[in-house]
All heavy atoms as atom14 arrays in JSON, in Angstrom:
{
  "sequence": "FLFIHFMSLGWTAQEQGRWVGQFLGPALKRSSVAEV",
  "atom14_mask": [
    [1, 1, 1, 1, 1, 1, 1, 1, 1, 1, 1, 0, 0, 0],
    [1, 1, 1, 1, 1, 1, 1, 1, 0, 0, 0, 0, 0, 0],
    [1, 1, 1, 1, 1, 1, 1, 1, 1, 1, 1, 0, 0, 0],
    [1, 1, 1, 1, 1, 1, 1, 1, 0, 0, 0, 0, 0, 0],
    [1, 1, 1, 1, 1, 1, 1, 1, 1, 1, 0, 0, 0, 0],
    [1, 1, 1, 1, 1, 1, 1, 1, 1, 1, 1, 0, 0, 0],
    [1, 1, 1, 1, 1, 1, 1, 1, 0, 0, 0, 0, 0, 0],
    [1, 1, 1, 1, 1, 1, 0, 0, 0, 0, 0, 0, 0, 0],
    [1, 1, 1, 1, 1, 1, 1, 1, 0, 0, 0, 0, 0, 0],
    [1, 1, 1, 1, 0, 0, 0, 0, 0, 0, 0, 0, 0, 0],
    [1, 1, 1, 1, 1, 1, 1, 1, 1, 1, 1, 1, 1, 1],
    [1, 1, 1, 1, 1, 1, 1, 0, 0, 0, 0, 0, 0, 0],
    [1, 1, 1, 1, 1, 0, 0, 0, 0, 0, 0, 0, 0, 0],
    [1, 1, 1, 1, 1, 1, 1, 1, 1, 0, 0, 0, 0, 0],
    [1, 1, 1, 1, 1, 1, 1, 1, 1, 0, 0, 0, 0, 0],
    [1, 1, 1, 1, 1, 1, 1, 1, 1, 0, 0, 0, 0, 0],
    [1, 1, 1, 1, 0, 0, 0, 0, 0, 0, 0, 0, 0, 0],
    [1, 1, 1, 1, 1, 1, 1, 1, 1, 1, 1, 0, 0, 0],
    [1, 1, 1, 1, 1, 1, 1, 1, 1, 1, 1, 1, 1, 1],
    [1, 1, 1, 1, 1, 1, 1, 0, 0, 0, 0, 0, 0, 0],
    [1, 1, 1, 1, 0, 0, 0, 0, 0, 0, 0, 0, 0, 0],
    [1, 1, 1, 1, 1, 1, 1, 1, 1, 0, 0, 0, 0, 0],
    [1, 1, 1, 1, 1, 1, 1, 1, 1, 1, 1, 0, 0, 0],
    [1, 1, 1, 1, 1, 1, 1, 1, 0, 0, 0, 0, 0, 0],
    [1, 1, 1, 1, 0, 0, 0, 0, 0, 0, 0, 0, 0, 0],
    [1, 1, 1, 1, 1, 1, 1, 0, 0, 0, 0, 0, 0, 0],
    [1, 1, 1, 1, 1, 0, 0, 0, 0, 0, 0, 0, 0, 0],
    [1, 1, 1, 1, 1, 1, 1, 1, 0, 0, 0, 0, 0, 0],
    [1, 1, 1, 1, 1, 1, 1, 1, 1, 0, 0, 0, 0, 0],
    [1, 1, 1, 1, 1, 1, 1, 1, 1, 1, 1, 0, 0, 0],
    [1, 1, 1, 1, 1, 1, 0, 0, 0, 0, 0, 0, 0, 0],
    [1, 1, 1, 1, 1, 1, 0, 0, 0, 0, 0, 0, 0, 0],
    [1, 1, 1, 1, 1, 1, 1, 0, 0, 0, 0, 0, 0, 0],
    [1, 1, 1, 1, 1, 0, 0, 0, 0, 0, 0, 0, 0, 0],
    [1, 1, 1, 1, 1, 1, 1, 1, 1, 0, 0, 0, 0, 0],
    [1, 1, 1, 1, 1, 1, 1, 0, 0, 0, 0, 0, 0, 0]
  ],
  "atom14_positions": [
    [[0.82, -1.22, 0.0], [0.0, 0.0, 0.0], [0.85, 1.27, 0.0], [0.36, 2.36, -0.3], [-0.94, 0.01, 1.21], [-0.25, 0.15, 2.54], [0.01, 1.4, 3.08], [0.15, -0.98, 3.24], [0.65, 1.53, 4.3], [0.8, -0.86, 4.47], [1.06, 0.39, 5.0], [0.0, 0.0, 0.0], [0.0, 0.0, 0.0], [0.0, 0.0, 0.0]],
    [[2.13, 1.14, 0.32], [3.01, 2.31, 0.33], [3.21, 2.86, -1.08], [3.49, 4.05, -1.25], [4.37, 1.94, 0.95], [4.32, 1.53, 2.42], [5.68, 0.99, 2.86], [3.91, 2.72, 3.29], [0.0, 0.0, 0.0], [0.0, 0.0, 0.0], [0.0, 0.0, 0.0], [0.0, 0.0, 0.0], [0.0, 0.0, 0.0], [0.0, 0.0, 0.0]],
    [[3.06, 1.99, -2.09], [3.24, 2.46, -3.47], [2.17, 1.94, -4.42], [2.17, 2.29, -5.59], [4.63, 2.08, -3.99], [5.0, 0.63, -3.77], [4.7, -0.33, -4.72], [5.62, 0.23, -2.59], [5.03, -1.65, -4.51], [5.96, -1.1, -2.38], [5.67, -2.06, -3.35], [0.0, 0.0, 0.0], [0.0, 0.0, 0.0], [0.0, 0.0, 0.0]],
    [[1.26, 1.1, -3.93], [0.15, 0.58, -4.75], [-1.1, 1.36, -4.39], [-1.49, 1.44, -3.22], [-0.07, -0.92, -4.49], [1.14, -1.73, -4.94], [-1.33, -1.41, -5.17], [1.39, -1.71, -6.42], [0.0, 0.0, 0.0], [0.0, 0.0, 0.0], [0.0, 0.0, 0.0], [0.0, 0.0, 0.0], [0.0, 0.0, 0.0], [0.0, 0.0, 0.0]],
    [[-1.77, 1.92, -5.41], [-2.92, 2.78, -5.14], [-4.16, 2.32, -5.9], [-5.01, 3.13, -6.28], [-2.59, 4.23, -5.49], [-1.4, 4.75, -4.75], [-1.38, 4.92, -3.38], [-0.16, 5.09, -5.19], [-0.19, 5.36, -3.01], [0.57, 5.47, -4.08], [0.0, 0.0, 0.0], [0.0, 0.0, 0.0], [0.0, 0.0, 0.0], [0.0, 0.0, 0.0]],
    [[-4.25, 1.0, -6.12], [-5.45, 0.47, -6.75], [-6.06, -0.58, -5.84], [-5.53, -0.88, -4.76], [-5.16, -0.09, -8.15], [-4.0, -1.06, -8.21], [-4.15, -2.39, -7.83], [-2.76, -0.65, -8.69], [-3.09, -3.28, -7.91], [-1.7, -1.54, -8.78], [-1.87, -2.86, -8.38], [0.0, 0.0, 0.0], [0.0, 0.0, 0.0], [0.0, 0.0, 0.0]],
    [[-7.17, -1.15, -6.25], [-7.93, -2.08, -5.43], [-7.06, -3.21, -4.88], [-6.28, -3.81, -5.62], [-9.08, -2.68, -6.24], [-10.12, -1.67, -6.69], [-11.33, -2.43, -7.81], [-12.15, -3.59, -6.73], [0.0, 0.0, 0.0], [0.0, 0.0, 0.0], [0.0, 0.0, 0.0], [0.0, 0.0, 0.0], [0.0, 0.0, 0.0], [0.0, 0.0, 0.0]],
    [[-7.22, -3.49, -3.61], [-6.45, -4.57, -3.0], [-7.15, -5.01, -1.71], [-7.99, -4.3, -1.16], [-5.02, -4.13, -2.69], [-5.01, -3.08, -1.74], [0.0, 0.0, 0.0], [0.0, 0.0, 0.0], [0.0, 0.0, 0.0], [0.0, 0.0, 0.0], [0.0, 0.0, 0.0], [0.0, 0.0, 0.0], [0.0, 0.0, 0.0], [0.0, 0.0, 0.0]],
    [[-6.76, -6.2, -1.27], [-7.18, -6.71, 0.03], [-5.97, -7.36, 0.68], [-5.37, -8.28, 0.11], [-8.31, -7.75, -0.12], [-8.71, -8.48, 1.18], [-9.28, -7.49, 2.21], [-9.7, -9.6, 0.9], [0.0, 0.0, 0.0], [0.0, 0.0, 0.0], [0.0, 0.0, 0.0], [0.0, 0.0, 0.0], [0.0, 0.0, 0.0], [0.0, 0.0, 0.0]],
    [[-5.59, -6.88, 1.85], [-4.42, -7.4, 2.53], [-4.7, -8.71, 3.25], [-5.73, -8.87, 3.91], [0.0, 0.0, 0.0], [0.0, 0.0, 0.0], [0.0, 0.0, 0.0], [0.0, 0.0, 0.0], [0.0, 0.0, 0.0], [0.0, 0.0, 0.0], [0.0, 0.0, 0.0], [0.0, 0.0, 0.0], [0.0, 0.0, 0.0], [0.0, 0.0, 0.0]],
    [[-3.76, -9.64, 3.09], [-3.78, -10.89, 3.83], [-2.38, -11.19, 4.33], [-1.4, -10.99, 3.6], [-4.17, -12.07, 2.93], [-5.57, -12.2, 2.47], [-6.05, -11.95, 1.21], [-6.69, -12.67, 3.23], [-7.39, -12.23, 1.15], [-7.82, -12.67, 2.37], [-6.84, -13.08, 4.56], [-9.07, -13.07, 2.81], [-8.11, -13.48, 4.98], [-9.21, -13.47, 4.12]],
    [[-2.25, -11.71, 5.52], [-1.05, -12.45, 5.87], [-1.31, -13.9, 5.45], [-2.48, -14.31, 5.23], [-0.76, -12.41, 7.37], [-1.8, -13.1, 8.07], [-0.65, -10.97, 7.87], [0.0, 0.0, 0.0], [0.0, 0.0, 0.0], [0.0, 0.0, 0.0], [0.0, 0.0, 0.0], [0.0, 0.0, 0.0], [0.0, 0.0, 0.0], [0.0, 0.0, 0.0]],
    [[-0.25, -14.68, 5.33], [-0.42, -16.05, 4.88], [-1.26, -16.87, 5.87], [-2.1, -17.68, 5.48], [0.94, -16.71, 4.67], [0.0, 0.0, 0.0], [0.0, 0.0, 0.0], [0.0, 0.0, 0.0], [0.0, 0.0, 0.0], [0.0, 0.0, 0.0], [0.0, 0.0, 0.0], [0.0, 0.0, 0.0], [0.0, 0.0, 0.0], [0.0, 0.0, 0.0]],
    [[-1.04, -16.64, 7.17], [-1.79, -17.39, 8.16], [-3.28, -17.06, 8.1], [-4.14, -17.94, 8.2], [-1.26, -17.11, 9.58], [0.15, -17.64, 9.82], [1.21, -16.58, 9.58], [1.05, -15.69, 8.74], [2.31, -16.67, 10.33], [0.0, 0.0, 0.0], [0.0, 0.0, 0.0], [0.0, 0.0, 0.0], [0.0, 0.0, 0.0], [0.0, 0.0, 0.0]],
    [[-3.59, -15.76, 7.96], [-4.99, -15.35, 7.86], [-5.64, -15.94, 6.62], [-6.78, -16.43, 6.67], [-5.08, -13.83, 7.82], [-4.73, -13.14, 9.13], [-4.54, -11.64, 8.97], [-4.37, -11.16, 7.83], [-4.54, -10.95, 10.0], [0.0, 0.0, 0.0], [0.0, 0.0, 0.0], [0.0, 0.0, 0.0], [0.0, 0.0, 0.0], [0.0, 0.0, 0.0]],
    [[-4.92, -15.9, 5.5], [-5.48, -16.46, 4.28], [-5.66, -17.97, 4.42], [-6.64, -18.54, 3.91], [-4.59, -16.14, 3.08], [-5.25, -16.48, 1.75], [-4.41, -16.04, 0.57], [-3.47, -16.73, 0.19], [-4.74, -14.88, 0.0], [0.0, 0.0, 0.0], [0.0, 0.0, 0.0], [0.0, 0.0, 0.0], [0.0, 0.0, 0.0], [0.0, 0.0, 0.0]],
    [[-4.72, -18.62, 5.1], [-4.86, -20.05, 5.34], [-6.12, -20.38, 6.12], [-6.84, -21.35, 5.81], [0.0, 0.0, 0.0], [0.0, 0.0, 0.0], [0.0, 0.0, 0.0], [0.0, 0.0, 0.0], [0.0, 0.0, 0.0], [0.0, 0.0, 0.0], [0.0, 0.0, 0.0], [0.0, 0.0, 0.0], [0.0, 0.0, 0.0], [0.0, 0.0, 0.0]],
    [[-6.39, -19.59, 7.15], [-7.61, -19.81, 7.93], [-8.85, -19.62, 7.06], [-9.8, -20.42, 7.12], [-7.66, -18.86, 9.12], [-8.93, -19.02, 9.95], [-8.99, -18.09, 11.14], [-10.33, -18.14, 11.75], [-11.08, -17.09, 11.99], [-10.65, -15.87, 11.7], [-12.28, -17.23, 12.53], [0.0, 0.0, 0.0], [0.0, 0.0, 0.0], [0.0, 0.0, 0.0]],
    [[-8.85, -18.56, 6.25], [-10.01, -18.29, 5.39], [-10.22, -19.42, 4.39], [-11.34, -19.89, 4.18], [-9.81, -16.96, 4.68], [-10.91, -16.62, 3.7], [-12.23, -16.42, 4.0], [-10.78, -16.46, 2.3], [-12.94, -16.13, 2.85], [-12.06, -16.15, 1.79], [-9.7, -16.53, 1.41], [-12.29, -15.93, 0.43], [-9.93, -16.3, 0.06], [-11.21, -16.0, -0.42]],
    [[-9.14, -19.9, 3.78], [-9.25, -20.96, 2.78], [-9.67, -22.28, 3.45], [-10.57, -22.97, 2.98], [-7.92, -21.14, 2.02], [-7.93, -22.42, 1.19], [-7.66, -19.93, 1.13], [0.0, 0.0, 0.0], [0.0, 0.0, 0.0], [0.0, 0.0, 0.0], [0.0, 0.0, 0.0], [0.0, 0.0, 0.0], [0.0, 0.0, 0.0], [0.0, 0.0, 0.0]],
    [[-9.0, -22.64, 4.55], [-9.25, -23.93, 5.17], [-10.6, -24.05, 5.85], [-11.21, -25.12, 5.88], [0.0, 0.0, 0.0], [0.0, 0.0, 0.0], [0.0, 0.0, 0.0], [0.0, 0.0, 0.0], [0.0, 0.0, 0.0], [0.0, 0.0, 0.0], [0.0, 0.0, 0.0], [0.0, 0.0, 0.0], [0.0, 0.0, 0.0], [0.0, 0.0, 0.0]],
    [[-11.08, -22.93, 6.4], [-12.33, -22.97, 7.18], [-13.54, -22.47, 6.4], [-14.67, -22.87, 6.71], [-12.14, -22.15, 8.46], [-13.26, -22.31, 9.49], [-12.93, -21.61, 10.8], [-11.77, -21.27, 11.05], [-13.92, -21.4, 11.64], [0.0, 0.0, 0.0], [0.0, 0.0, 0.0], [0.0, 0.0, 0.0], [0.0, 0.0, 0.0], [0.0, 0.0, 0.0]],
    [[-13.3, -21.63, 5.38], [-14.44, -20.98, 4.72], [-14.46, -21.21, 3.19], [-15.38, -21.86, 2.69], [-14.42, -19.48, 5.03], [-14.56, -19.17, 6.48], [-13.44, -18.98, 7.28], [-15.81, -19.09, 7.08], [-13.56, -18.7, 8.62], [-15.95, -18.81, 8.44], [-14.81, -18.63, 9.22], [0.0, 0.0, 0.0], [0.0, 0.0, 0.0], [0.0, 0.0, 0.0]],
    [[-13.48, -20.68, 2.45], [-13.55, -20.75, 0.99], [-13.48, -22.18, 0.48], [-14.29, -22.58, -0.37], [-12.42, -19.92, 0.36], [-12.37, -19.96, -1.18], [-13.65, -19.4, -1.78], [-11.15, -19.2, -1.7], [0.0, 0.0, 0.0], [0.0, 0.0, 0.0], [0.0, 0.0, 0.0], [0.0, 0.0, 0.0], [0.0, 0.0, 0.0], [0.0, 0.0, 0.0]],
    [[-12.51, -22.96, 0.95], [-12.37, -24.33, 0.47], [-13.64, -25.14, 0.67], [-14.18, -25.73, -0.28], [0.0, 0.0, 0.0], [0.0, 0.0, 0.0], [0.0, 0.0, 0.0], [0.0, 0.0, 0.0], [0.0, 0.0, 0.0], [0.0, 0.0, 0.0], [0.0, 0.0, 0.0], [0.0, 0.0, 0.0], [0.0, 0.0, 0.0], [0.0, 0.0, 0.0]],
    [[-14.18, -25.21, 1.91], [-15.43, -25.95, 2.12], [-16.61, -25.39, 1.33], [-17.43, -26.16, 0.8], [-15.65, -25.82, 3.63], [-14.28, -25.62, 4.2], [-13.55, -24.8, 3.18], [0.0, 0.0, 0.0], [0.0, 0.0, 0.0], [0.0, 0.0, 0.0], [0.0, 0.0, 0.0], [0.0, 0.0, 0.0], [0.0, 0.0, 0.0], [0.0, 0.0, 0.0]],
    [[-16.72, -24.06, 1.24], [-17.84, -23.46, 0.5], [-17.8, -23.85, -0.96], [-18.84, -24.16, -1.57], [-17.82, -21.94, 0.65], [0.0, 0.0, 0.0], [0.0, 0.0, 0.0], [0.0, 0.0, 0.0], [0.0, 0.0, 0.0], [0.0, 0.0, 0.0], [0.0, 0.0, 0.0], [0.0, 0.0, 0.0], [0.0, 0.0, 0.0], [0.0, 0.0, 0.0]],
    [[-16.61, -23.86, -1.53], [-16.48, -24.23, -2.94], [-16.81, -25.7, -3.15], [-17.53, -26.06, -4.09], [-15.05, -23.92, -3.4], [-14.77, -23.94, -4.91], [-15.65, -22.95, -5.66], [-13.29, -23.63, -5.16], [0.0, 0.0, 0.0], [0.0, 0.0, 0.0], [0.0, 0.0, 0.0], [0.0, 0.0, 0.0], [0.0, 0.0, 0.0], [0.0, 0.0, 0.0]],
    [[-16.33, -26.56, -2.26], [-16.53, -28.0, -2.43], [-17.99, -28.42, -2.26], [-18.42, -29.42, -2.85], [-15.65, -28.78, -1.44], [-14.16, -28.66, -1.71], [-13.81, -29.1, -3.13], [-12.32, -28.97, -3.4], [-12.0, -29.27, -4.84], [0.0, 0.0, 0.0], [0.0, 0.0, 0.0], [0.0, 0.0, 0.0], [0.0, 0.0, 0.0], [0.0, 0.0, 0.0]],
    [[-18.75, -27.69, -1.47], [-20.15, -28.09, -1.28], [-21.11, -27.35, -2.22], [-22.33, -27.52, -2.14], [-20.58, -27.87, 0.17], [-20.57, -26.44, 0.65], [-21.14, -26.31, 2.06], [-21.03, -24.93, 2.55], [-20.11, -24.51, 3.4], [-19.21, -25.36, 3.88], [-20.08, -23.23, 3.78], [0.0, 0.0, 0.0], [0.0, 0.0, 0.0], [0.0, 0.0, 0.0]],
    [[-20.55, -26.54, -3.14], [-21.38, -25.72, -4.03], [-21.69, -26.47, -5.33], [-21.18, -27.57, -5.58], [-20.65, -24.42, -4.37], [-19.59, -24.67, -5.28], [0.0, 0.0, 0.0], [0.0, 0.0, 0.0], [0.0, 0.0, 0.0], [0.0, 0.0, 0.0], [0.0, 0.0, 0.0], [0.0, 0.0, 0.0], [0.0, 0.0, 0.0], [0.0, 0.0, 0.0]],
    [[-22.5, -25.85, -6.17], [-22.82, -26.41, -7.49], [-21.69, -26.21, -8.49], [-21.78, -26.66, -9.63], [-24.1, -25.78, -8.03], [-23.92, -24.37, -8.23], [0.0, 0.0, 0.0], [0.0, 0.0, 0.0], [0.0, 0.0, 0.0], [0.0, 0.0, 0.0], [0.0, 0.0, 0.0], [0.0, 0.0, 0.0], [0.0, 0.0, 0.0], [0.0, 0.0, 0.0]],
    [[-20.62, -25.51, -8.07], [-19.46, -25.29, -8.94], [-18.22, -25.93, -8.31], [-17.11, -25.41, -8.4], [-19.23, -23.79, -9.22], [-20.3, -23.24, -10.14], [-19.18, -22.99, -7.91], [0.0, 0.0, 0.0], [0.0, 0.0, 0.0], [0.0, 0.0, 0.0], [0.0, 0.0, 0.0], [0.0, 0.0, 0.0], [0.0, 0.0, 0.0], [0.0, 0.0, 0.0]],
    [[-18.42, -27.08, -7.68], [-17.33, -27.74, -6.95], [-16.2, -28.18, -7.86], [-15.1, -28.46, -7.39], [-17.89, -28.95, -6.2], [0.0, 0.0, 0.0], [0.0, 0.0, 0.0], [0.0, 0.0, 0.0], [0.0, 0.0, 0.0], [0.0, 0.0, 0.0], [0.0, 0.0, 0.0], [0.0, 0.0, 0.0], [0.0, 0.0, 0.0], [0.0, 0.0, 0.0]],
    [[-16.46, -28.24, -9.18], [-15.41, -28.63, -10.12], [-14.37, -27.55, -10.34], [-13.29, -27.81, -10.88], [-16.03, -29.0, -11.47], [-16.55, -27.83, -12.31], [-17.92, -27.3, -11.9], [-18.48, -27.83, -10.91], [-18.44, -26.38, -12.57], [0.0, 0.0, 0.0], [0.0, 0.0, 0.0], [0.0, 0.0, 0.0], [0.0, 0.0, 0.0], [0.0, 0.0, 0.0]],
    [[-14.65, -26.33, -9.92], [-13.72, -25.21, -10.12], [-12.49, -25.41, -9.24], [-12.6, -25.67, -8.04], [-14.4, -23.87, -9.82], [-13.4, -22.72, -9.92], [-15.56, -23.64, -10.79], [0.0, 0.0, 0.0], [0.0, 0.0, 0.0], [0.0, 0.0, 0.0], [0.0, 0.0, 0.0], [0.0, 0.0, 0.0], [0.0, 0.0, 0.0], [0.0, 0.0, 0.0]]
  ]
}
């Protein structure tokens, strides 16, 4: 963000891991687009 001035969302790797492992991964697998 010190030199990037366009759309972004900050993640640390651990935070992203929690989001993927607990939320995004399961949501995708149980959806109608689980093949993605």
